[in-house]
Amino acid sequence: MEDGLINTSSINHIIKISLTSLGVHAQCPSYVNDSVLSCPPEPDPNPVPRLCQIKCKEGQSFGFQLRMERSCRGYVVRQVDPWSPAELSGLKDGDRVLEVNEDFVDNMEFPRVVQRIQACGLQLFLLVLKGEEYEEALAQGLNLQALTRAYRGETCSRPRLCHITRDLGLGISIIPIEGQKGRYMLSTVSEGPAERAGVRSGDRLVWINGAMVSTLTYSAISKMVKKCSIYVTVLVINRESEASYIRRKLPILPIMAGSHNLPHRPTTMHLVQGSDGYGFLLRQERLSSGGRIAHLLREVDVGSPAEEAGMQDGDLLLAVNGQPSESMEHENIVRKVRKSGKRVSLTTIPIHGRDFYTQLGLSPLLFHEDSLPKGEGMRKTQSPCSEIQDGLSKNEHGSFPCPRLCVLEREESGFGFNLGCVQHEPGTFIGQVVVKSLGHRAGLWEGDVVVEVNGQNVENEYFEEVVMLIKKSARSLKLLVVERSEYERLKQSGLPITPGVILHRTQVRNNHMYSCI
């Protein structure tokens, strides 16, 4: 027996022996003593996805890279760090990601997948297939989304995060399930506030205003609801879906939910630089509510691109070109905006809106796209590889062009690649890459343009300076690279070239700074 599967050849052998001993010809079905012996069912030939539950601590990375690679389809897991949360969850190098937090992503744009992971907080649930299983499934023409539905159960649907606004009442009753401590069922008034917000009679209540109800008594929940003078936010799931989560030993969390009627949506503004810049000030301030540090947009100039895009003084910055910015240092945000050239996309939210999500323990970016028209949002607000997909064809290996952040840990033989340059001109590229070397395994390709070395932009640096920066890397080296033809197209588009593949989190430093942008 392996992974819960029974060796069917052994069963067939046992059946044949039993039938022979009874003097009965071994056929299926066979009749012995008026009983029917049926042949065991054929094993399912389709691959079975596996779930990796990744939990990390504040300031800790998940410990893996997600890539689009030239040589294969799908989103590929690479460089799983030893003893990292990713490795401890069972994630393996070469795995292909099918779902992120119960959301099918194999047909989703890559930057969108990255943002979903970045916005999920400290817990991440990935449904994956081994690389060879994924390729075999494609070769057989299998429907990958059907595979994920079969794994979950055809009747299973995602939880719902519903925001109910009081109107003479909430239109909802909470009923304890008899004999089951910490479990509650909901009953709704027809066309009442709860039903309009997406709650259905018979739903199981999982979470209310940021608290898991499994830890609350009925009395405590009743008091909590009575204190909500204006609204209440609940996480619910239907009975059949709850059974699927229990069977898979999977917690039901808001990061897995679809949202219904949530207020205070983030806004993404697309700014085109004017003769005097974008016309606003970026400041890092300590907020009066909670005392945390935040990046605020201030002093919006009248008639500036910022004002025309709808920027409001005091808005809180959530993301730059789709990349979450709340945990970035001030200087890095300014650098990203300036490197964007003449166009930049900023995702913002009013402070009171951010406070709403903070009280719920959620990132507002988690549900940003739920409010956008289909096909909008990430395609226009994320990294360049998503924005130019409409104008670019796939390369010969079937992937869309995208910058790649390659991380190398020095070996005794070095990093395994050579640099090249055009004589007397700034800029460097990857020359020869030694086969099976560290550089080769990290994903460097011959001819790649080097954009950044350890986070420092080197597009306008000469060969000697770049070599010096690399030599300063005692053990670890991070290179942001992009294929030559793709680099030229990105530069012509005026879009920023940024790493969108490393999934990590950094801690905020309490520096108070401001910059005109």
Protein backbone atom coordinates (compact mmCIF):
# COMPACT_ATOMS: atom_id res chain seq x y z
CA MET A 1 0.00 0.00 0.00
CA GLU A 2 1.40 3.42 -0.93
CA ASP A 3 -0.18 6.86 -0.43
CA GLY A 4 -3.53 5.24 0.35
CA LEU A 5 -3.59 3.14 -2.86
CA ILE A 6 -4.01 -0.64 -2.83
CA ASN A 7 -2.02 -2.88 -5.17
CA THR A 8 -4.82 -4.21 -7.40
CA SER A 9 -2.65 -6.96 -8.89
CA SER A 10 -2.36 -8.49 -5.39
CA ILE A 11 -6.15 -8.36 -4.98
CA ASN A 12 -6.72 -10.08 -8.33
CA HIS A 13 -4.24 -12.79 -7.30
CA ILE A 14 -6.07 -13.40 -4.01
CA ILE A 15 -9.45 -13.58 -5.79
CA LYS A 16 -8.15 -16.17 -8.26
CA ILE A 17 -6.80 -18.35 -5.44
CA SER A 18 -10.11 -18.20 -3.57
CA LEU A 19 -12.16 -19.08 -6.64
CA THR A 20 -9.88 -21.97 -7.56
CA SER A 21 -10.12 -23.46 -4.10
CA LEU A 22 -13.91 -23.45 -4.48
CA GLY A 23 -13.76 -25.14 -7.86
CA VAL A 24 -15.24 -22.17 -9.66
CA HIS A 25 -13.91 -20.75 -12.93
CA ALA A 26 -12.21 -17.39 -12.25
CA GLN A 27 -14.44 -14.84 -13.97
CA CYS A 28 -16.04 -11.54 -12.96
CA PRO A 29 -18.73 -11.38 -11.86
CA SER A 30 -18.73 -14.94 -10.35
CA TYR A 31 -21.39 -16.51 -8.20
CA VAL A 32 -20.34 -18.42 -5.09
CA ASN A 33 -22.92 -19.47 -2.50
CA ASP A 34 -25.43 -17.02 -4.05
CA SER A 35 -22.99 -14.16 -3.45
CA VAL A 36 -21.57 -11.92 -6.13
CA LEU A 37 -17.80 -11.39 -6.22
CA SER A 38 -17.06 -8.30 -8.29
CA CYS A 39 -13.75 -7.36 -9.82
CA PRO A 40 -12.11 -4.44 -7.99
CA PRO A 41 -12.56 -1.10 -9.75
CA GLU A 42 -9.80 -0.01 -12.06
CA PRO A 43 -7.51 2.58 -10.48
CA ASP A 44 -8.05 6.15 -11.64
CA PRO A 45 -5.43 6.75 -14.36
CA ASN A 46 -5.58 10.50 -13.87
CA PRO A 47 -2.93 12.19 -11.70
CA VAL A 48 -4.04 13.31 -8.25
CA PRO A 49 -2.98 16.85 -7.18
CA ARG A 50 -1.54 17.33 -3.72
CA LEU A 51 -2.12 20.18 -1.31
CA CYS A 52 0.79 22.05 0.28
CA GLN A 53 -0.14 24.12 3.35
CA ILE A 54 2.61 26.70 3.84
CA LYS A 55 2.77 28.71 7.07
CA CYS A 56 5.46 31.25 7.83
CA LYS A 57 6.23 33.71 10.61
CA GLU A 58 6.19 37.51 10.38
CA GLY A 59 9.19 38.67 8.34
CA GLN A 60 9.90 35.13 7.08
CA SER A 61 9.70 34.17 3.42
CA PHE A 62 7.75 31.19 2.11
CA GLY A 63 11.05 29.95 0.77
CA PHE A 64 10.53 29.26 -2.93
CA GLN A 65 10.48 30.90 -6.34
CA LEU A 66 7.64 30.82 -8.85
CA ARG A 67 8.65 31.04 -12.50
CA MET A 68 7.50 31.06 -16.08
CA GLU A 69 10.11 29.05 -17.95
CA ARG A 70 10.99 28.79 -21.60
CA SER A 71 11.18 25.02 -21.60
CA CYS A 72 7.78 24.17 -20.09
CA ARG A 73 4.21 25.28 -19.59
CA GLY A 74 2.55 26.27 -16.36
CA TYR A 75 3.89 28.06 -13.31
CA VAL A 76 6.95 26.24 -12.04
CA VAL A 77 8.21 26.02 -8.46
CA ARG A 78 11.98 26.45 -8.22
CA GLN A 79 14.70 26.83 -5.58
CA VAL A 80 12.79 25.52 -2.57
CA ASP A 81 14.97 26.57 0.36
CA PRO A 82 16.08 23.81 2.75
CA TRP A 83 14.04 23.75 5.98
CA SER A 84 11.86 26.59 4.70
CA PRO A 85 8.07 26.64 5.24
CA ALA A 86 7.71 25.61 1.57
CA GLU A 87 9.91 22.53 1.95
CA LEU A 88 8.29 21.55 5.24
CA SER A 89 4.89 21.67 3.50
CA GLY A 90 6.04 19.13 0.90
CA LEU A 91 6.54 21.56 -1.99
CA LYS A 92 9.13 20.25 -4.47
CA ASP A 93 11.34 21.77 -7.15
CA GLY A 94 9.60 21.40 -10.51
CA ASP A 95 6.04 21.26 -9.12
CA ARG A 96 3.42 23.08 -11.21
CA VAL A 97 0.93 25.24 -9.37
CA LEU A 98 -2.73 24.63 -10.24
CA GLU A 99 -4.48 26.54 -7.44
CA VAL A 100 -3.60 29.29 -5.01
CA ASN A 101 -5.85 29.35 -1.93
CA GLU A 102 -8.53 27.28 -3.70
CA ASP A 103 -8.48 29.57 -6.77
CA PHE A 104 -7.53 27.94 -10.11
CA VAL A 105 -4.59 29.87 -11.56
CA ASP A 106 -3.14 27.74 -14.37
CA ASN A 107 -4.98 29.88 -16.93
CA MET A 108 -4.39 33.15 -15.05
CA GLU A 109 -1.84 35.82 -15.98
CA PHE A 110 1.43 35.37 -14.12
CA PRO A 111 1.57 38.77 -12.33
CA ARG A 112 -1.94 38.14 -11.09
CA VAL A 113 -0.87 34.84 -9.56
CA VAL A 114 2.11 36.53 -7.89
CA GLN A 115 -0.07 39.21 -6.33
CA ARG A 116 -2.52 36.66 -4.96
CA ILE A 117 0.37 34.98 -3.17
CA GLN A 118 1.87 38.25 -1.95
CA ALA A 119 -1.46 39.43 -0.53
CA CYS A 120 -2.38 36.26 1.35
CA GLY A 121 -0.45 37.01 4.55
CA LEU A 122 1.32 34.31 6.54
CA GLN A 123 -0.58 31.28 5.22
CA LEU A 124 -0.55 29.95 1.69
CA PHE A 125 -2.31 26.90 0.23
CA LEU A 126 -1.00 25.58 -3.08
CA LEU A 127 -2.54 22.71 -5.05
CA VAL A 128 0.21 21.28 -7.24
CA LEU A 129 1.14 18.48 -9.60
CA LYS A 130 4.57 16.97 -10.09
CA GLY A 131 6.21 18.32 -13.24
CA GLU A 132 6.09 14.97 -15.06
CA GLU A 133 2.45 14.43 -14.07
CA TYR A 134 1.55 17.89 -15.35
CA GLU A 135 3.26 17.26 -18.71
CA GLU A 136 1.61 13.84 -19.02
CA ALA A 137 -1.81 15.36 -18.26
CA LEU A 138 -1.29 17.93 -21.03
CA ALA A 139 -0.14 15.22 -23.44
CA GLN A 140 -3.32 13.26 -22.73
CA GLY A 141 -5.49 16.34 -23.22
CA LEU A 142 -6.82 16.23 -19.65
CA ASN A 143 -8.77 19.17 -18.27
CA LEU A 144 -6.62 20.44 -15.39
CA GLN A 145 -9.46 22.39 -13.83
CA ALA A 146 -11.59 19.24 -13.85
CA LEU A 147 -8.76 17.49 -11.98
CA THR A 148 -8.88 20.11 -9.25
CA ARG A 149 -12.69 19.85 -9.01
CA ALA A 150 -12.46 16.06 -8.70
CA TYR A 151 -9.88 16.42 -5.92
CA ARG A 152 -12.09 18.87 -4.03
CA GLY A 153 -15.45 17.29 -4.86
CA GLU A 154 -17.85 18.44 -7.57
CA THR A 155 -20.28 20.00 -5.08
CA CYS A 156 -17.61 21.98 -3.21
CA SER A 157 -17.55 25.75 -3.64
CA ARG A 158 -15.36 28.42 -2.07
CA PRO A 159 -16.34 30.15 1.19
CA ARG A 160 -17.96 33.58 0.97
CA LEU A 161 -16.92 36.71 2.83
CA CYS A 162 -20.11 38.75 3.17
CA HIS A 163 -20.47 42.30 4.45
CA ILE A 164 -23.95 42.90 5.87
CA THR A 165 -25.17 46.47 6.34
CA ARG A 166 -27.89 46.89 8.96
CA ASP A 167 -31.32 47.98 7.71
CA LEU A 168 -33.77 47.85 10.65
CA GLY A 169 -31.84 44.70 11.43
CA LEU A 170 -29.34 42.35 9.79
CA GLY A 171 -31.92 39.88 8.49
CA ILE A 172 -30.05 36.93 9.96
CA SER A 173 -30.45 34.42 12.80
CA ILE A 174 -27.55 32.44 14.27
CA ILE A 175 -28.53 28.95 15.39
CA PRO A 176 -26.21 26.69 17.44
CA ILE A 177 -25.95 23.18 15.94
CA GLU A 178 -27.14 20.78 18.61
CA GLY A 179 -24.44 18.61 20.11
CA GLN A 180 -21.65 20.30 18.14
CA LYS A 181 -19.77 22.84 20.25
CA GLY A 182 -18.56 25.93 18.42
CA ARG A 183 -20.61 25.26 15.27
CA TYR A 184 -23.44 27.50 14.11
CA MET A 185 -25.95 27.57 11.26
CA LEU A 186 -27.52 30.68 9.72
CA SER A 187 -31.08 31.45 8.79
CA THR A 188 -31.86 34.51 6.66
CA VAL A 189 -34.89 36.69 6.06
CA SER A 190 -35.97 36.54 2.42
CA GLU A 191 -34.49 39.51 0.50
CA GLY A 192 -33.15 40.91 3.78
CA PRO A 193 -29.74 42.57 4.27
CA ALA A 194 -27.90 39.28 4.90
CA GLU A 195 -29.35 37.57 1.85
CA ARG A 196 -28.57 40.60 -0.31
CA ALA A 197 -24.98 40.42 0.96
CA GLY A 198 -24.61 36.81 -0.20
CA VAL A 199 -25.60 34.79 2.88
CA ARG A 200 -27.93 31.82 2.31
CA SER A 201 -30.16 29.97 4.77
CA GLY A 202 -28.41 26.81 5.93
CA ASP A 203 -24.92 28.30 5.59
CA ARG A 204 -22.40 27.46 8.29
CA LEU A 205 -20.96 30.47 10.14
CA VAL A 206 -17.15 30.25 10.27
CA TRP A 207 -15.88 33.72 11.15
CA ILE A 208 -17.37 37.03 12.26
CA ASN A 209 -15.64 40.42 12.35
CA GLY A 210 -12.21 38.80 12.38
CA ALA A 211 -12.94 36.13 15.02
CA MET A 212 -13.30 32.37 14.39
CA VAL A 213 -16.65 31.32 15.88
CA SER A 214 -15.33 27.88 16.86
CA THR A 215 -13.71 29.63 19.85
CA LEU A 216 -16.81 31.63 20.81
CA THR A 217 -19.89 30.79 22.81
CA TYR A 218 -23.35 31.58 21.49
CA SER A 219 -23.65 34.32 24.12
CA ALA A 220 -20.38 35.96 22.99
CA ILE A 221 -21.47 35.91 19.34
CA SER A 222 -24.85 37.43 20.24
CA LYS A 223 -23.15 40.25 22.13
CA MET A 224 -20.78 40.85 19.23
CA VAL A 225 -23.66 41.16 16.76
CA LYS A 226 -25.61 43.53 19.03
CA LYS A 227 -22.58 45.83 19.28
CA CYS A 228 -22.45 46.14 15.49
CA SER A 229 -24.59 49.22 15.06
CA ILE A 230 -24.01 49.62 11.32
CA TYR A 231 -22.57 46.46 9.78
CA VAL A 232 -21.11 43.00 10.38
CA THR A 233 -18.71 40.97 8.19
CA VAL A 234 -19.05 37.18 8.19
CA LEU A 235 -17.34 34.23 6.54
CA VAL A 236 -19.80 31.50 5.56
CA ILE A 237 -19.81 28.22 3.65
CA ASN A 238 -22.51 25.81 2.60
CA ARG A 239 -22.84 22.41 4.26
CA GLU A 240 -21.58 20.30 1.33
CA SER A 241 -18.48 22.45 0.89
CA GLU A 242 -17.78 22.39 4.62
CA ALA A 243 -17.75 18.58 4.46
CA SER A 244 -15.12 18.72 1.70
CA TYR A 245 -12.88 21.00 3.78
CA ILE A 246 -13.21 18.69 6.79
CA ARG A 247 -12.40 15.64 4.66
CA ARG A 248 -9.26 17.34 3.35
CA LYS A 249 -8.34 18.60 6.85
CA LEU A 250 -8.27 22.10 5.43
CA PRO A 251 -9.08 25.18 7.54
CA ILE A 252 -11.73 27.54 6.19
CA LEU A 253 -10.11 30.97 6.03
CA PRO A 254 -10.94 34.37 4.49
CA ILE A 255 -7.95 34.10 2.11
CA MET A 256 -9.85 31.30 0.34
CA ALA A 257 -13.09 33.20 0.03
CA GLY A 258 -14.86 35.09 -2.68
CA SER A 259 -16.05 38.50 -1.48
CA HIS A 260 -19.58 39.86 -1.45
CA ASN A 261 -20.44 43.51 -0.90
CA LEU A 262 -17.14 44.44 0.83
CA PRO A 263 -16.74 48.23 1.28
CA HIS A 264 -13.68 50.48 0.94
CA ARG A 265 -12.29 48.93 -2.22
CA PRO A 266 -8.74 49.88 -3.21
CA THR A 267 -8.42 52.10 -6.27
CA THR A 268 -5.77 51.77 -8.98
CA MET A 269 -4.76 55.00 -10.72
CA HIS A 270 -2.79 55.12 -13.97
CA LEU A 271 -0.63 58.28 -14.07
CA VAL A 272 1.17 59.72 -17.09
CA GLN A 273 4.06 61.97 -16.09
CA GLY A 274 3.75 65.68 -16.92
CA SER A 275 6.44 68.32 -17.46
CA ASP A 276 6.65 68.86 -13.67
CA GLY A 277 6.44 65.18 -12.73
CA TYR A 278 3.38 63.43 -11.36
CA GLY A 279 2.48 66.23 -8.95
CA PHE A 280 2.30 64.69 -5.49
CA LEU A 281 4.39 64.05 -2.40
CA LEU A 282 5.07 60.60 -0.95
CA ARG A 283 5.54 60.65 2.82
CA GLN A 284 6.23 57.94 5.36
CA GLU A 285 4.22 58.69 8.50
CA ARG A 286 3.19 57.07 11.75
CA LEU A 287 -0.59 56.67 11.83
CA SER A 288 -2.56 57.80 14.86
CA SER A 289 -4.64 54.61 14.69
CA GLY A 290 -2.46 51.73 15.82
CA GLY A 291 0.81 53.66 15.61
CA ARG A 292 2.04 51.78 12.57
CA ILE A 293 4.14 53.27 9.77
CA ALA A 294 2.45 53.89 6.41
CA HIS A 295 3.24 55.49 3.04
CA LEU A 296 0.83 58.37 2.40
CA LEU A 297 0.15 60.50 -0.67
CA ARG A 298 0.27 64.19 0.18
CA GLU A 299 0.12 67.70 -1.34
CA VAL A 300 -1.54 66.78 -4.63
CA ASP A 301 -0.88 69.67 -7.05
CA VAL A 302 -3.88 71.32 -8.70
CA GLY A 303 -4.14 70.31 -12.35
CA SER A 304 -1.38 67.70 -12.00
CA PRO A 305 -1.54 64.16 -13.45
CA ALA A 306 -2.09 62.91 -9.89
CA GLU A 307 -5.18 65.10 -9.37
CA GLU A 308 -6.55 64.21 -12.79
CA ALA A 309 -6.19 60.50 -11.95
CA GLY A 310 -8.32 61.02 -8.82
CA MET A 311 -5.64 61.03 -6.11
CA GLN A 312 -6.79 62.36 -2.73
CA ASP A 313 -4.55 63.91 -0.09
CA GLY A 314 -3.96 61.40 2.71
CA ASP A 315 -4.62 58.25 0.68
CA LEU A 316 -2.52 55.28 1.74
CA LEU A 317 -0.31 53.62 -0.90
CA LEU A 318 -0.80 49.84 -1.23
CA ALA A 319 1.03 48.91 -4.43
CA VAL A 320 3.25 50.31 -7.20
CA ASN A 321 2.70 48.75 -10.63
CA GLY A 322 0.84 45.96 -8.87
CA GLN A 323 3.64 45.09 -6.45
CA PRO A 324 2.59 45.44 -2.77
CA SER A 325 4.43 48.35 -1.17
CA GLU A 326 3.26 48.54 2.46
CA SER A 327 6.28 46.57 3.72
CA MET A 328 8.80 48.32 1.44
CA GLU A 329 11.22 50.95 2.60
CA HIS A 330 10.55 54.51 1.50
CA GLU A 331 13.59 54.71 -0.76
CA ASN A 332 12.64 51.52 -2.60
CA ILE A 333 9.16 52.84 -3.37
CA VAL A 334 10.55 56.12 -4.70
CA ARG A 335 13.03 54.19 -6.80
CA LYS A 336 10.30 51.99 -8.27
CA VAL A 337 8.16 55.00 -9.20
CA ARG A 338 11.07 56.80 -10.83
CA LYS A 339 12.17 53.68 -12.69
CA SER A 340 8.68 53.40 -14.14
CA GLY A 341 9.56 56.08 -16.66
CA LYS A 342 6.67 58.24 -17.78
CA ARG A 343 3.86 55.98 -16.63
CA VAL A 344 3.08 54.42 -13.27
CA SER A 345 0.14 52.59 -11.69
CA LEU A 346 -0.57 53.25 -8.00
CA THR A 347 -3.06 51.28 -5.92
CA THR A 348 -4.41 53.27 -2.96
CA ILE A 349 -7.05 53.22 -0.24
CA PRO A 350 -8.30 55.84 2.26
CA ILE A 351 -6.90 55.39 5.77
CA HIS A 352 -10.32 54.53 7.21
CA GLY A 353 -10.64 51.83 4.55
CA ARG A 354 -7.25 50.37 5.51
CA ASP A 355 -8.34 50.43 9.16
CA PHE A 356 -11.42 48.37 8.21
CA TYR A 357 -9.28 45.61 6.71
CA THR A 358 -6.74 45.82 9.54
CA GLN A 359 -9.51 45.14 12.08
CA LEU A 360 -10.47 42.08 10.06
CA GLY A 361 -6.84 40.95 9.85
CA LEU A 362 -6.89 41.01 6.03
CA SER A 363 -5.02 42.72 3.23
CA PRO A 364 -7.26 44.93 1.07
CA LEU A 365 -5.30 43.72 -1.98
CA LEU A 366 -6.69 40.25 -1.38
CA PHE A 367 -10.08 41.25 -2.77
CA HIS A 368 -9.08 44.15 -5.02
CA GLU A 369 -9.84 42.34 -8.26
CA ASP A 370 -13.26 41.13 -7.15
CA SER A 371 -14.58 44.65 -7.83
CA LEU A 372 -12.98 45.04 -11.26
CA PRO A 373 -14.65 44.24 -14.60
CA LYS A 374 -13.58 40.94 -16.12
CA GLY A 375 -10.30 41.32 -17.95
CA GLU A 376 -9.40 44.52 -16.13
CA GLY A 377 -7.17 45.15 -13.15
CA MET A 378 -4.08 43.02 -13.20
CA ARG A 379 -3.60 43.25 -16.93
CA LYS A 380 -3.27 47.01 -16.62
CA THR A 381 -1.77 47.39 -13.17
CA GLN A 382 0.81 44.69 -12.87
CA SER A 383 4.32 44.15 -14.05
CA PRO A 384 5.30 44.62 -17.70
CA CYS A 385 4.97 40.98 -18.65
CA SER A 386 1.20 41.17 -18.16
CA GLU A 387 0.73 44.58 -19.77
CA ILE A 388 2.44 43.68 -23.04
CA GLN A 389 0.81 40.29 -23.55
CA ASP A 390 -1.81 41.74 -25.86
CA GLY A 391 0.92 43.13 -28.15
CA LEU A 392 3.45 40.29 -27.96
CA SER A 393 3.32 36.73 -29.16
CA LYS A 394 4.63 33.87 -27.07
CA ASN A 395 8.24 32.91 -27.56
CA GLU A 396 9.31 29.65 -29.17
CA HIS A 397 8.89 27.81 -25.88
CA GLY A 398 5.30 28.91 -25.39
CA SER A 399 5.80 31.47 -22.62
CA PHE A 400 5.15 35.18 -22.49
CA PRO A 401 8.21 37.40 -22.01
CA CYS A 402 8.89 38.38 -18.42
CA PRO A 403 11.88 39.62 -16.39
CA ARG A 404 13.45 36.93 -14.22
CA LEU A 405 15.13 37.28 -10.84
CA CYS A 406 17.84 34.60 -10.62
CA VAL A 407 19.34 33.87 -7.20
CA LEU A 408 22.74 32.15 -7.09
CA GLU A 409 24.65 30.82 -4.08
CA ARG A 410 28.37 30.75 -4.91
CA GLU A 411 30.04 27.36 -5.35
CA GLU A 412 33.76 26.54 -5.32
CA SER A 413 33.78 26.75 -9.12
CA GLY A 414 32.11 30.19 -9.07
CA PHE A 415 28.71 31.23 -10.40
CA GLY A 416 29.06 29.41 -13.74
CA PHE A 417 28.62 32.23 -16.28
CA ASN A 418 30.55 34.97 -18.07
CA LEU A 419 29.55 38.59 -18.65
CA GLY A 420 29.67 40.34 -21.99
CA CYS A 421 29.37 43.95 -23.16
CA VAL A 422 29.59 46.22 -26.20
CA GLN A 423 32.96 47.93 -26.04
CA HIS A 424 32.90 51.55 -24.75
CA GLU A 425 29.13 51.41 -24.13
CA PRO A 426 27.18 50.99 -20.86
CA GLY A 427 25.19 47.86 -20.22
CA THR A 428 26.09 44.19 -19.79
CA PHE A 429 24.65 40.86 -20.83
CA ILE A 430 25.12 37.21 -19.95
CA GLY A 431 27.78 35.61 -22.14
CA GLN A 432 28.51 31.91 -21.93
CA VAL A 433 26.57 29.88 -19.35
CA VAL A 434 28.25 26.65 -18.30
CA VAL A 435 25.87 23.70 -18.76
CA LYS A 436 24.60 22.25 -15.44
CA SER A 437 26.43 25.02 -13.57
CA LEU A 438 24.97 27.18 -10.82
CA GLY A 439 24.08 29.90 -13.34
CA HIS A 440 22.39 27.38 -15.62
CA ARG A 441 20.34 25.90 -12.77
CA ALA A 442 19.34 29.39 -11.58
CA GLY A 443 17.78 30.13 -14.97
CA LEU A 444 20.34 32.37 -16.71
CA TRP A 445 20.26 32.25 -20.51
CA GLU A 446 22.97 33.30 -22.91
CA GLY A 447 22.28 36.82 -24.20
CA ASP A 448 20.16 37.93 -21.22
CA VAL A 449 20.43 41.64 -20.48
CA VAL A 450 21.47 42.32 -16.87
CA VAL A 451 19.09 44.88 -15.36
CA GLU A 452 19.92 44.69 -11.64
CA VAL A 453 22.71 43.25 -9.50
CA ASN A 454 21.62 42.62 -5.90
CA GLY A 455 18.80 45.13 -6.28
CA GLN A 456 20.97 47.88 -7.82
CA ASN A 457 20.08 48.97 -11.35
CA VAL A 458 23.05 48.58 -13.72
CA GLU A 459 21.48 49.36 -17.10
CA ASN A 460 23.66 52.47 -17.45
CA GLU A 461 26.75 51.07 -15.74
CA TYR A 462 29.86 50.00 -17.62
CA PHE A 463 31.25 46.48 -17.66
CA GLU A 464 33.93 47.10 -15.01
CA GLU A 465 31.43 48.49 -12.46
CA VAL A 466 29.08 45.53 -12.94
CA VAL A 467 31.94 43.05 -12.53
CA MET A 468 32.97 44.83 -9.33
CA LEU A 469 29.41 44.60 -7.93
CA ILE A 470 29.27 40.88 -8.66
CA LYS A 471 32.66 40.29 -7.05
CA LYS A 472 31.39 41.99 -3.89
CA SER A 473 28.80 39.20 -3.58
CA ALA A 474 30.62 36.92 -1.17
CA ARG A 475 28.07 34.10 -1.21
CA SER A 476 24.69 35.10 -2.64
CA LEU A 477 24.08 36.91 -5.94
CA LYS A 478 20.73 38.19 -7.26
CA LEU A 479 20.51 39.09 -10.94
CA LEU A 480 17.43 40.61 -12.56
CA VAL A 481 17.67 39.68 -16.24
CA VAL A 482 15.49 39.69 -19.34
CA GLU A 483 15.97 38.39 -22.88
CA ARG A 484 17.45 40.94 -25.30
CA SER A 485 14.47 41.21 -27.68
CA GLU A 486 12.06 41.43 -24.76
CA TYR A 487 14.25 44.02 -23.05
CA GLU A 488 14.10 46.27 -26.12
CA ARG A 489 10.32 45.96 -26.35
CA LEU A 490 9.91 46.76 -22.68
CA LYS A 491 12.13 49.84 -22.97
CA GLN A 492 10.16 51.05 -26.00
CA SER A 493 6.91 50.63 -24.06
CA GLY A 494 8.22 52.83 -21.22
CA LEU A 495 7.12 50.23 -18.68
CA PRO A 496 9.28 49.36 -15.64
CA ILE A 497 11.37 46.22 -15.58
CA THR A 498 10.83 44.78 -12.11
CA PRO A 499 11.13 41.34 -10.51
CA GLY A 500 7.69 39.79 -10.18
CA VAL A 501 8.64 36.25 -9.32
CA ILE A 502 10.19 36.24 -5.85
CA LEU A 503 7.62 35.63 -3.15
CA HIS A 504 8.86 37.23 0.03
CA ARG A 505 8.04 39.63 2.81
CA THR A 506 10.26 42.22 4.49
CA GLN A 507 9.90 44.10 7.74
CA VAL A 508 9.24 47.84 7.78
CA ARG A 509 11.82 50.15 9.28
CA ASN A 510 10.54 53.17 11.15
CA ASN A 511 12.12 55.84 8.97
CA HIS A 512 10.18 59.05 8.40
CA MET A 513 10.94 60.34 4.93
CA TYR A 514 9.25 62.12 2.07
CA SER A 515 9.94 62.59 -1.63
CA CYS A 516 8.46 64.68 -4.41
CA ILE A 517 7.31 62.54 -7.31
